[in-house]
C-alpha atoms as a PDB file:
ATOM      1  CA  MET A   1     -32.364-306.979  43.570  1.00  0.00           C
ATOM      2  CA  SER A   2     -30.511-304.962  40.977  1.00  0.00           C
ATOM      3  CA  ASN A   3     -32.265-303.027  38.244  1.00  0.00           C
ATOM      4  CA  PRO A   4     -32.423-305.306  35.239  1.00  0.00           C
ATOM      5  CA  ASN A   5     -32.102-302.506  32.716  1.00  0.00           C
ATOM      6  CA  SER A   6     -28.844-301.158  34.496  1.00  0.00           C
ATOM      7  CA  PRO A   7     -26.315-300.112  31.879  1.00  0.00           C
ATOM      8  CA  ASN A   8     -23.726-301.864  33.709  1.00  0.00           C
ATOM      9  CA  ARG A   9     -25.633-305.149  33.406  1.00  0.00           C
ATOM     10  CA  GLY A  10     -23.893-305.897  29.893  1.00  0.00           C
ATOM     11  CA  ALA A  11     -20.637-305.247  31.410  1.00  0.00           C
ATOM     12  CA  ILE A  12     -20.870-307.186  34.293  1.00  0.00           C
ATOM     13  CA  GLY A  13     -22.187-310.039  32.249  1.00  0.00           C
ATOM     14  CA  ALA A  14     -19.212-309.992  30.065  1.00  0.00           C
ATOM     15  CA  PHE A  15     -16.922-309.802  32.859  1.00  0.00           C
ATOM     16  CA  VAL A  16     -18.505-312.937  34.596  1.00  0.00           C
ATOM     17  CA  PHE A  17     -18.618-314.855  31.306  1.00  0.00           C
ATOM     18  CA  ILE A  18     -14.979-314.071  30.300  1.00  0.00           C
ATOM     19  CA  MET A  19     -13.773-315.181  33.956  1.00  0.00           C
ATOM     20  CA  ALA A  20     -15.747-318.119  33.567  1.00  0.00           C
ATOM     21  CA  VAL A  21     -13.915-319.337  30.497  1.00  0.00           C
ATOM     22  CA  PHE A  22     -10.700-318.380  31.897  1.00  0.00           C
ATOM     23  CA  LEU A  23     -11.390-320.514  35.074  1.00  0.00           C
ATOM     24  CA  MET A  24     -12.348-323.380  32.718  1.00  0.00           C
ATOM     25  CA  ILE A  25      -8.964-323.082  30.834  1.00  0.00           C
ATOM     26  CA  ILE A  26      -6.939-322.946  33.915  1.00  0.00           C
ATOM     27  CA  ARG A  27      -8.737-325.664  35.754  1.00  0.00           C
ATOM     28  CA  VAL A  28      -6.790-328.314  33.760  1.00  0.00           C
ATOM     29  CA  ASP A  29      -3.377-328.060  36.016  1.00  0.00           C
ATOM     30  CA  TRP A  30      -1.297-329.965  33.387  1.00  0.00           C
ATOM     31  CA  TRP A  31       1.935-328.418  34.867  1.00  0.00           C
ATOM     32  CA  TRP A  32       1.679-330.655  38.008  1.00  0.00           C
ATOM     33  CA  TRP A  33       0.874-334.044  36.133  1.00  0.00           C
ATOM     34  CA  GLY A  34       3.230-336.540  37.029  1.00  0.00           C
ATOM     35  CA  LYS A  35       5.169-334.605  39.604  1.00  0.00           C
ATOM     36  CA  LYS A  36       5.419-335.609  43.475  1.00  0.00           C
ATOM     37  CA  VAL A  37       4.292-332.628  45.227  1.00  0.00           C
ATOM     38  CA  GLU A  38       5.099-332.311  48.828  1.00  0.00           C
ATOM     39  CA  PRO A  39       2.546-330.996  51.552  1.00  0.00           C
ATOM     40  CA  LEU A  40       3.013-327.361  52.176  1.00  0.00           C
ATOM     41  CA  VAL A  41       0.711-325.967  54.631  1.00  0.00           C
ATOM     42  CA  PHE A  42      -0.348-327.906  57.978  1.00  0.00           C
ATOM     43  CA  GLY A  43       1.352-330.951  56.642  1.00  0.00           C
ATOM     44  CA  TRP A  44      -1.228-331.837  54.363  1.00  0.00           C
ATOM     45  CA  LEU A  45      -1.943-329.090  51.733  1.00  0.00           C
ATOM     46  CA  SER A  46       0.263-328.938  48.727  1.00  0.00           C
ATOM     47  CA  TYR A  47       0.434-326.302  46.057  1.00  0.00           C
ATOM     48  CA  PRO A  48      -2.091-327.969  43.614  1.00  0.00           C
ATOM     49  CA  MET A  49      -4.655-328.325  46.473  1.00  0.00           C
ATOM     50  CA  LEU A  50      -4.358-324.519  47.236  1.00  0.00           C
ATOM     51  CA  TYR A  51      -4.580-323.558  43.474  1.00  0.00           C
ATOM     52  CA  GLN A  52      -7.726-325.797  43.160  1.00  0.00           C
ATOM     53  CA  LEU A  53      -9.349-324.213  46.290  1.00  0.00           C
ATOM     54  CA  GLY A  54      -8.564-320.688  44.791  1.00  0.00           C
ATOM     55  CA  ILE A  55     -10.310-321.603  41.522  1.00  0.00           C
ATOM     56  CA  TRP A  56     -13.242-322.863  43.644  1.00  0.00           C
ATOM     57  CA  LEU A  57     -13.476-319.733  45.486  1.00  0.00           C
ATOM     58  CA  ALA A  58     -13.079-317.588  42.329  1.00  0.00           C
ATOM     59  CA  GLY A  59     -15.918-319.731  40.823  1.00  0.00           C
ATOM     60  CA  TYR A  60     -18.013-319.233  43.931  1.00  0.00           C
ATOM     61  CA  GLY A  61     -17.454-315.578  43.447  1.00  0.00           C
ATOM     62  CA  LEU A  62     -18.693-315.548  40.221  1.00  0.00           C
ATOM     63  CA  VAL A  63     -22.052-317.172  40.917  1.00  0.00           C
ATOM     64  CA  ALA A  64     -22.524-314.537  43.729  1.00  0.00           C
ATOM     65  CA  ILE A  65     -22.085-311.681  41.524  1.00  0.00           C
ATOM     66  CA  THR A  66     -24.400-313.302  39.010  1.00  0.00           C
ATOM     67  CA  VAL A  67     -26.943-313.692  41.786  1.00  0.00           C
ATOM     68  CA  LYS A  68     -26.460-310.138  43.106  1.00  0.00           C
ATOM     69  CA  TYR A  69     -26.111-308.320  39.762  1.00  0.00           C
ATOM     70  CA  LEU A  70     -27.651-310.289  36.864  1.00  0.00           C
ATOM     71  CA  TRP A  71     -30.232-312.532  38.097  1.00  0.00           C
ATOM     72  CA  VAL A  72     -33.806-311.399  37.416  1.00  0.00           C
ATOM     73  CA  GLU A  73     -36.768-312.964  39.308  1.00  0.00           C
ATOM     74  CA  PRO A  74     -39.738-313.676  37.050  1.00  0.00           C
ATOM     75  CA  GLY A  75     -42.423-310.922  37.595  1.00  0.00           C
ATOM     76  CA  GLU A  76     -39.903-307.965  38.605  1.00  0.00           C
END
């Protein structure tokens, strides 16, 4: 695990927090509301579906960064 007293820990934590807020804001894809969107990839994936997949992957990446660099196990 990473050192809990690392000087970069605060910067990494701020980055994760800011990115999480950004992802929550852009999660609402209001620009596609009420519009018919045709499938784009493989005949069944549309732009909104790819957009949501990208947001999901970015969120998973933030969880991975938190576990790798910020999480401190009790007793360490």
